[in-house]
Amino acid sequence: MAPAWEPTLAHMMVYAQGPQITVLVDPAQPDAYMQAPYWEDLQQWAADIDASGGFVIVFVGDTAIKVEPELRKR
């Protein structure tokens, strides 16, 4: 992972759990996942694991957001 994803900088913690990438957002920074470069990375991860049935889910407190893969030119 890029240095920007260091939890103390990103205000998020990321881990893989089976076919799922889980992102836990610091409740004190609820929009952290929407900032650059994080949102773009989350969409890329979602696109990368979509073909194998995986997905990316972001938790902000009790709210769960599934990140949909953006169609990208490769």
PDB file of N, CA and C in Angstrom:
ATOM      1  N   MET A   1       0.844  -1.191   0.000  1.00  0.00           N
ATOM      2  CA  MET A   1       0.000   0.000   0.000  1.00  0.00           C
ATOM      3  C   MET A   1       0.875   1.235   0.000  1.00  0.00           C
ATOM      4  N   ALA A   2       0.352   2.265  -0.580  1.00  0.00           N
ATOM      5  CA  ALA A   2       1.058   3.545  -0.635  1.00  0.00           C
ATOM      6  C   ALA A   2       1.170   4.132   0.777  1.00  0.00           C
ATOM      7  N   PRO A   3       2.207   4.918   1.029  1.00  0.00           N
ATOM      8  CA  PRO A   3       2.373   5.539   2.347  1.00  0.00           C
ATOM      9  C   PRO A   3       1.171   6.372   2.783  1.00  0.00           C
ATOM     10  N   ALA A   4       0.418   6.907   1.836  1.00  0.00           N
ATOM     11  CA  ALA A   4      -0.762   7.713   2.184  1.00  0.00           C
ATOM     12  C   ALA A   4      -1.797   6.914   2.967  1.00  0.00           C
ATOM     13  N   TRP A   5      -1.734   5.578   2.861  1.00  0.00           N
ATOM     14  CA  TRP A   5      -2.696   4.720   3.550  1.00  0.00           C
ATOM     15  C   TRP A   5      -2.290   4.379   4.983  1.00  0.00           C
ATOM     16  N   GLU A   6      -1.203   4.945   5.456  1.00  0.00           N
ATOM     17  CA  GLU A   6      -0.822   4.774   6.866  1.00  0.00           C
ATOM     18  C   GLU A   6      -2.024   5.226   7.706  1.00  0.00           C
ATOM     19  N   PRO A   7      -2.538   4.380   8.596  1.00  0.00           N
ATOM     20  CA  PRO A   7      -3.763   4.713   9.334  1.00  0.00           C
ATOM     21  C   PRO A   7      -3.755   6.076  10.034  1.00  0.00           C
ATOM     22  N   THR A   8      -2.619   6.490  10.553  1.00  0.00           N
ATOM     23  CA  THR A   8      -2.589   7.793  11.228  1.00  0.00           C
ATOM     24  C   THR A   8      -2.728   8.952  10.252  1.00  0.00           C
ATOM     25  N   LEU A   9      -2.374   8.739   8.988  1.00  0.00           N
ATOM     26  CA  LEU A   9      -2.540   9.778   7.959  1.00  0.00           C
ATOM     27  C   LEU A   9      -3.900   9.676   7.283  1.00  0.00           C
ATOM     28  N   ALA A  10      -4.305   8.455   6.956  1.00  0.00           N
ATOM     29  CA  ALA A  10      -5.535   8.233   6.194  1.00  0.00           C
ATOM     30  C   ALA A  10      -6.796   8.321   7.051  1.00  0.00           C
ATOM     31  N   HIS A  11      -6.661   8.128   8.337  1.00  0.00           N
ATOM     32  CA  HIS A  11      -7.808   8.054   9.250  1.00  0.00           C
ATOM     33  C   HIS A  11      -8.713   6.877   8.896  1.00  0.00           C
ATOM     34  N   MET A  12      -8.052   5.815   8.377  1.00  0.00           N
ATOM     35  CA  MET A  12      -8.761   4.587   8.004  1.00  0.00           C
ATOM     36  C   MET A  12      -7.854   3.397   8.259  1.00  0.00           C
ATOM     37  N   MET A  13      -8.474   2.248   8.455  1.00  0.00           N
ATOM     38  CA  MET A  13      -7.746   1.003   8.563  1.00  0.00           C
ATOM     39  C   MET A  13      -8.323   0.055   7.514  1.00  0.00           C
ATOM     40  N   VAL A  14      -7.448  -0.650   6.812  1.00  0.00           N
ATOM     41  CA  VAL A  14      -7.857  -1.517   5.707  1.00  0.00           C
ATOM     42  C   VAL A  14      -7.399  -2.936   6.001  1.00  0.00           C
ATOM     43  N   TYR A  15      -8.283  -3.904   5.721  1.00  0.00           N
ATOM     44  CA  TYR A  15      -7.881  -5.304   5.825  1.00  0.00           C
ATOM     45  C   TYR A  15      -8.694  -6.145   4.850  1.00  0.00           C
ATOM     46  N   ALA A  16      -8.107  -7.255   4.458  1.00  0.00           N
ATOM     47  CA  ALA A  16      -8.783  -8.192   3.563  1.00  0.00           C
ATOM     48  C   ALA A  16      -9.436  -9.262   4.411  1.00  0.00           C
ATOM     49  N   GLN A  17     -10.632  -9.668   3.982  1.00  0.00           N
ATOM     50  CA  GLN A  17     -11.405 -10.673   4.699  1.00  0.00           C
ATOM     51  C   GLN A  17     -12.106 -11.528   3.647  1.00  0.00           C
ATOM     52  N   GLY A  18     -11.482 -12.638   3.281  1.00  0.00           N
ATOM     53  CA  GLY A  18     -12.032 -13.458   2.203  1.00  0.00           C
ATOM     54  C   GLY A  18     -12.053 -12.657   0.914  1.00  0.00           C
ATOM     55  N   PRO A  19     -13.199 -12.633   0.228  1.00  0.00           N
ATOM     56  CA  PRO A  19     -13.285 -11.907  -1.037  1.00  0.00           C
ATOM     57  C   PRO A  19     -13.568 -10.412  -0.856  1.00  0.00           C
ATOM     58  N   GLN A  20     -13.472  -9.949   0.363  1.00  0.00           N
ATOM     59  CA  GLN A  20     -13.859  -8.578   0.684  1.00  0.00           C
ATOM     60  C   GLN A  20     -12.663  -7.784   1.192  1.00  0.00           C
ATOM     61  N   ILE A  21     -12.554  -6.536   0.726  1.00  0.00           N
ATOM     62  CA  ILE A  21     -11.631  -5.575   1.327  1.00  0.00           C
ATOM     63  C   ILE A  21     -12.493  -4.674   2.198  1.00  0.00           C
ATOM     64  N   THR A  22     -12.156  -4.610   3.461  1.00  0.00           N
ATOM     65  CA  THR A  22     -12.912  -3.825   4.434  1.00  0.00           C
ATOM     66  C   THR A  22     -12.114  -2.592   4.818  1.00  0.00           C
ATOM     67  N   VAL A  23     -12.794  -1.452   4.832  1.00  0.00           N
ATOM     68  CA  VAL A  23     -12.175  -0.184   5.216  1.00  0.00           C
ATOM     69  C   VAL A  23     -12.965   0.365   6.392  1.00  0.00           C
ATOM     70  N   LEU A  24     -12.288   0.576   7.504  1.00  0.00           N
ATOM     71  CA  LEU A  24     -12.909   1.160   8.691  1.00  0.00           C
ATOM     72  C   LEU A  24     -12.448   2.604   8.797  1.00  0.00           C
ATOM     73  N   VAL A  25     -13.387   3.532   8.722  1.00  0.00           N
ATOM     74  CA  VAL A  25     -13.079   4.960   8.729  1.00  0.00           C
ATOM     75  C   VAL A  25     -13.189   5.500  10.156  1.00  0.00           C
ATOM     76  N   ASP A  26     -12.238   6.325  10.522  1.00  0.00           N
ATOM     77  CA  ASP A  26     -12.253   6.999  11.818  1.00  0.00           C
ATOM     78  C   ASP A  26     -13.531   7.843  11.901  1.00  0.00           C
ATOM     79  N   PRO A  27     -14.392   7.606  12.894  1.00  0.00           N
ATOM     80  CA  PRO A  27     -15.639   8.371  13.005  1.00  0.00           C
ATOM     81  C   PRO A  27     -15.419   9.876  13.137  1.00  0.00           C
ATOM     82  N   ALA A  28     -14.258  10.281  13.604  1.00  0.00           N
ATOM     83  CA  ALA A  28     -13.964  11.713  13.720  1.00  0.00           C
ATOM     84  C   ALA A  28     -13.640  12.341  12.357  1.00  0.00           C
ATOM     85  N   GLN A  29     -13.394  11.500  11.340  1.00  0.00           N
ATOM     86  CA  GLN A  29     -13.085  11.956   9.973  1.00  0.00           C
ATOM     87  C   GLN A  29     -13.971  11.202   8.985  1.00  0.00           C
ATOM     88  N   PRO A  30     -15.294  11.323   9.070  1.00  0.00           N
ATOM     89  CA  PRO A  30     -16.189  10.454   8.313  1.00  0.00           C
ATOM     90  C   PRO A  30     -16.087  10.561   6.796  1.00  0.00           C
ATOM     91  N   ASP A  31     -15.549  11.636   6.270  1.00  0.00           N
ATOM     92  CA  ASP A  31     -15.444  11.763   4.812  1.00  0.00           C
ATOM     93  C   ASP A  31     -14.043  11.466   4.293  1.00  0.00           C
ATOM     94  N   ALA A  32     -13.185  10.924   5.136  1.00  0.00           N
ATOM     95  CA  ALA A  32     -11.795  10.664   4.734  1.00  0.00           C
ATOM     96  C   ALA A  32     -11.714   9.775   3.500  1.00  0.00           C
ATOM     97  N   TYR A  33     -12.580   8.787   3.399  1.00  0.00           N
ATOM     98  CA  TYR A  33     -12.511   7.843   2.278  1.00  0.00           C
ATOM     99  C   TYR A  33     -12.854   8.487   0.938  1.00  0.00           C
ATOM    100  N   MET A  34     -13.517   9.635   0.963  1.00  0.00           N
ATOM    101  CA  MET A  34     -13.913  10.312  -0.269  1.00  0.00           C
ATOM    102  C   MET A  34     -12.829  11.240  -0.814  1.00  0.00           C
ATOM    103  N   GLN A  35     -11.786  11.456  -0.034  1.00  0.00           N
ATOM    104  CA  GLN A  35     -10.718  12.364  -0.451  1.00  0.00           C
ATOM    105  C   GLN A  35      -9.726  11.655  -1.360  1.00  0.00           C
ATOM    106  N   ALA A  36      -9.028  12.449  -2.171  1.00  0.00           N
ATOM    107  CA  ALA A  36      -7.938  11.911  -3.003  1.00  0.00           C
ATOM    108  C   ALA A  36      -6.747  11.629  -2.092  1.00  0.00           C
ATOM    109  N   PRO A  37      -6.038  10.588  -2.310  1.00  0.00           N
ATOM    110  CA  PRO A  37      -6.138   9.591  -3.364  1.00  0.00           C
ATOM    111  C   PRO A  37      -7.015   8.394  -2.981  1.00  0.00           C
ATOM    112  N   TYR A  38      -7.665   8.476  -1.839  1.00  0.00           N
ATOM    113  CA  TYR A  38      -8.343   7.305  -1.291  1.00  0.00           C
ATOM    114  C   TYR A  38      -9.501   6.816  -2.147  1.00  0.00           C
ATOM    115  N   TRP A  39     -10.400   7.704  -2.562  1.00  0.00           N
ATOM    116  CA  TRP A  39     -11.559   7.276  -3.334  1.00  0.00           C
ATOM    117  C   TRP A  39     -11.133   6.606  -4.634  1.00  0.00           C
ATOM    118  N   GLU A  40     -10.160   7.187  -5.303  1.00  0.00           N
ATOM    119  CA  GLU A  40      -9.674   6.607  -6.552  1.00  0.00           C
ATOM    120  C   GLU A  40      -9.067   5.222  -6.313  1.00  0.00           C
ATOM    121  N   ASP A  41      -8.311   5.081  -5.239  1.00  0.00           N
ATOM    122  CA  ASP A  41      -7.734   3.780  -4.896  1.00  0.00           C
ATOM    123  C   ASP A  41      -8.831   2.763  -4.589  1.00  0.00           C
ATOM    124  N   LEU A  42      -9.835   3.159  -3.840  1.00  0.00           N
ATOM    125  CA  LEU A  42     -10.927   2.250  -3.501  1.00  0.00           C
ATOM    126  C   LEU A  42     -11.650   1.771  -4.754  1.00  0.00           C
ATOM    127  N   GLN A  43     -11.899   2.667  -5.692  1.00  0.00           N
ATOM    128  CA  GLN A  43     -12.553   2.267  -6.939  1.00  0.00           C
ATOM    129  C   GLN A  43     -11.669   1.325  -7.744  1.00  0.00           C
ATOM    130  N   GLN A  44     -10.362   1.578  -7.744  1.00  0.00           N
ATOM    131  CA  GLN A  44      -9.460   0.693  -8.481  1.00  0.00           C
ATOM    132  C   GLN A  44      -9.425  -0.686  -7.836  1.00  0.00           C
ATOM    133  N   TRP A  45      -9.359  -0.734  -6.511  1.00  0.00           N
ATOM    134  CA  TRP A  45      -9.383  -2.025  -5.820  1.00  0.00           C
ATOM    135  C   TRP A  45     -10.666  -2.773  -6.142  1.00  0.00           C
ATOM    136  N   ALA A  46     -11.800  -2.053  -6.141  1.00  0.00           N
ATOM    137  CA  ALA A  46     -13.085  -2.683  -6.442  1.00  0.00           C
ATOM    138  C   ALA A  46     -13.078  -3.253  -7.858  1.00  0.00           C
ATOM    139  N   ALA A  47     -12.519  -2.518  -8.801  1.00  0.00           N
ATOM    140  CA  ALA A  47     -12.439  -2.997 -10.183  1.00  0.00           C
ATOM    141  C   ALA A  47     -11.532  -4.216 -10.276  1.00  0.00           C
ATOM    142  N   ASP A  48     -10.425  -4.190  -9.548  1.00  0.00           N
ATOM    143  CA  ASP A  48      -9.461  -5.287  -9.605  1.00  0.00           C
ATOM    144  C   ASP A  48     -10.027  -6.600  -9.066  1.00  0.00           C
ATOM    145  N   ILE A  49     -10.849  -6.539  -8.018  1.00  0.00           N
ATOM    146  CA  ILE A  49     -11.340  -7.780  -7.414  1.00  0.00           C
ATOM    147  C   ILE A  49     -12.750  -8.155  -7.860  1.00  0.00           C
ATOM    148  N   ASP A  50     -13.392  -7.294  -8.636  1.00  0.00           N
ATOM    149  CA  ASP A  50     -14.754  -7.553  -9.099  1.00  0.00           C
ATOM    150  C   ASP A  50     -14.842  -8.832  -9.931  1.00  0.00           C
ATOM    151  N   ALA A  51     -13.874  -9.047 -10.807  1.00  0.00           N
ATOM    152  CA  ALA A  51     -13.901 -10.212 -11.699  1.00  0.00           C
ATOM    153  C   ALA A  51     -13.874 -11.530 -10.936  1.00  0.00           C
ATOM    154  N   SER A  52     -13.281 -11.531  -9.750  1.00  0.00           N
ATOM    155  CA  SER A  52     -13.209 -12.759  -8.966  1.00  0.00           C
ATOM    156  C   SER A  52     -14.318 -12.830  -7.904  1.00  0.00           C
ATOM    157  N   GLY A  53     -15.302 -11.937  -8.015  1.00  0.00           N
ATOM    158  CA  GLY A  53     -16.425 -11.961  -7.082  1.00  0.00           C
ATOM    159  C   GLY A  53     -16.182 -11.187  -5.807  1.00  0.00           C
ATOM    160  N   GLY A  54     -15.079 -10.466  -5.731  1.00  0.00           N
ATOM    161  CA  GLY A  54     -14.767  -9.694  -4.531  1.00  0.00           C
ATOM    162  C   GLY A  54     -15.403  -8.313  -4.566  1.00  0.00           C
ATOM    163  N   PHE A  55     -15.309  -7.631  -3.450  1.00  0.00           N
ATOM    164  CA  PHE A  55     -15.873  -6.285  -3.355  1.00  0.00           C
ATOM    165  C   PHE A  55     -15.173  -5.503  -2.251  1.00  0.00           C
ATOM    166  N   VAL A  56     -15.382  -4.204  -2.281  1.00  0.00           N
ATOM    167  CA  VAL A  56     -14.812  -3.294  -1.284  1.00  0.00           C
ATOM    168  C   VAL A  56     -15.975  -2.690  -0.510  1.00  0.00           C
ATOM    169  N   ILE A  57     -15.890  -2.757   0.812  1.00  0.00           N
ATOM    170  CA  ILE A  57     -16.928  -2.189   1.667  1.00  0.00           C
ATOM    171  C   ILE A  57     -16.274  -1.222   2.639  1.00  0.00           C
ATOM    172  N   VAL A  58     -16.880  -0.042   2.799  1.00  0.00           N
ATOM    173  CA  VAL A  58     -16.383   1.002   3.691  1.00  0.00           C
ATOM    174  C   VAL A  58     -17.376   1.141   4.831  1.00  0.00           C
ATOM    175  N   PHE A  59     -16.870   1.126   6.049  1.00  0.00           N
ATOM    176  CA  PHE A  59     -17.707   1.343   7.228  1.00  0.00           C
ATOM    177  C   PHE A  59     -17.363   2.684   7.851  1.00  0.00           C
ATOM    178  N   VAL A  60     -18.400   3.519   7.985  1.00  0.00           N
ATOM    179  CA  VAL A  60     -18.286   4.789   8.706  1.00  0.00           C
ATOM    180  C   VAL A  60     -19.285   4.673   9.847  1.00  0.00           C
ATOM    181  N   GLY A  61     -18.779   4.357  11.024  1.00  0.00           N
ATOM    182  CA  GLY A  61     -19.691   4.068  12.132  1.00  0.00           C
ATOM    183  C   GLY A  61     -20.532   2.854  11.779  1.00  0.00           C
ATOM    184  N   ASP A  62     -21.846   2.978  11.876  1.00  0.00           N
ATOM    185  CA  ASP A  62     -22.765   1.881  11.559  1.00  0.00           C
ATOM    186  C   ASP A  62     -23.192   1.864  10.090  1.00  0.00           C
ATOM    187  N   THR A  63     -22.706   2.807   9.314  1.00  0.00           N
ATOM    188  CA  THR A  63     -23.069   2.896   7.900  1.00  0.00           C
ATOM    189  C   THR A  63     -22.077   2.113   7.049  1.00  0.00           C
ATOM    190  N   ALA A  64     -22.593   1.268   6.162  1.00  0.00           N
ATOM    191  CA  ALA A  64     -21.762   0.486   5.254  1.00  0.00           C
ATOM    192  C   ALA A  64     -21.995   0.979   3.830  1.00  0.00           C
ATOM    193  N   ILE A  65     -20.895   1.208   3.108  1.00  0.00           N
ATOM    194  CA  ILE A  65     -20.955   1.676   1.729  1.00  0.00           C
ATOM    195  C   ILE A  65     -20.185   0.692   0.865  1.00  0.00           C
ATOM    196  N   LYS A  66     -20.857   0.119  -0.133  1.00  0.00           N
ATOM    197  CA  LYS A  66     -20.160  -0.748  -1.086  1.00  0.00           C
ATOM    198  C   LYS A  66     -19.595   0.143  -2.182  1.00  0.00           C
ATOM    199  N   VAL A  67     -18.299   0.012  -2.441  1.00  0.00           N
ATOM    200  CA  VAL A  67     -17.651   0.801  -3.485  1.00  0.00           C
ATOM    201  C   VAL A  67     -17.840   0.066  -4.801  1.00  0.00           C
ATOM    202  N   GLU A  68     -18.500   0.715  -5.732  1.00  0.00           N
ATOM    203  CA  GLU A  68     -18.715   0.125  -7.047  1.00  0.00           C
ATOM    204  C   GLU A  68     -17.507   0.424  -7.931  1.00  0.00           C
ATOM    205  N   PRO A  69     -17.073  -0.586  -8.678  1.00  0.00           N
ATOM    206  CA  PRO A  69     -15.923  -0.351  -9.556  1.00  0.00           C
ATOM    207  C   PRO A  69     -16.286   0.604 -10.680  1.00  0.00           C
ATOM    208  N   GLU A  70     -15.430   1.545 -10.897  1.00  0.00           N
ATOM    209  CA  GLU A  70     -15.605   2.474 -12.012  1.00  0.00           C
ATOM    210  C   GLU A  70     -15.044   1.795 -13.255  1.00  0.00           C
ATOM    211  N   LEU A  71     -15.714   1.939 -14.365  1.00  0.00           N
ATOM    212  CA  LEU A  71     -15.184   1.388 -15.600  1.00  0.00           C
ATOM    213  C   LEU A  71     -13.935   2.183 -15.977  1.00  0.00           C
ATOM    214  N   ARG A  72     -12.853   1.489 -16.170  1.00  0.00           N
ATOM    215  CA  ARG A  72     -11.579   2.149 -16.459  1.00  0.00           C
ATOM    216  C   ARG A  72     -11.007   1.615 -17.745  1.00  0.00           C
ATOM    217  N   LYS A  73     -10.363   2.493 -18.470  1.00  0.00           N
ATOM    218  CA  LYS A  73      -9.621   2.063 -19.656  1.00  0.00           C
ATOM    219  C   LYS A  73      -8.323   1.460 -19.177  1.00  0.00           C
ATOM    220  N   ARG A  74      -8.002   0.302 -19.687  1.00  0.00           N
ATOM    221  CA  ARG A  74      -6.760  -0.375 -19.268  1.00  0.00           C
ATOM    222  C   ARG A  74      -5.838  -0.489 -20.437  1.00  0.00           C
TER     223      ARG A  74
END
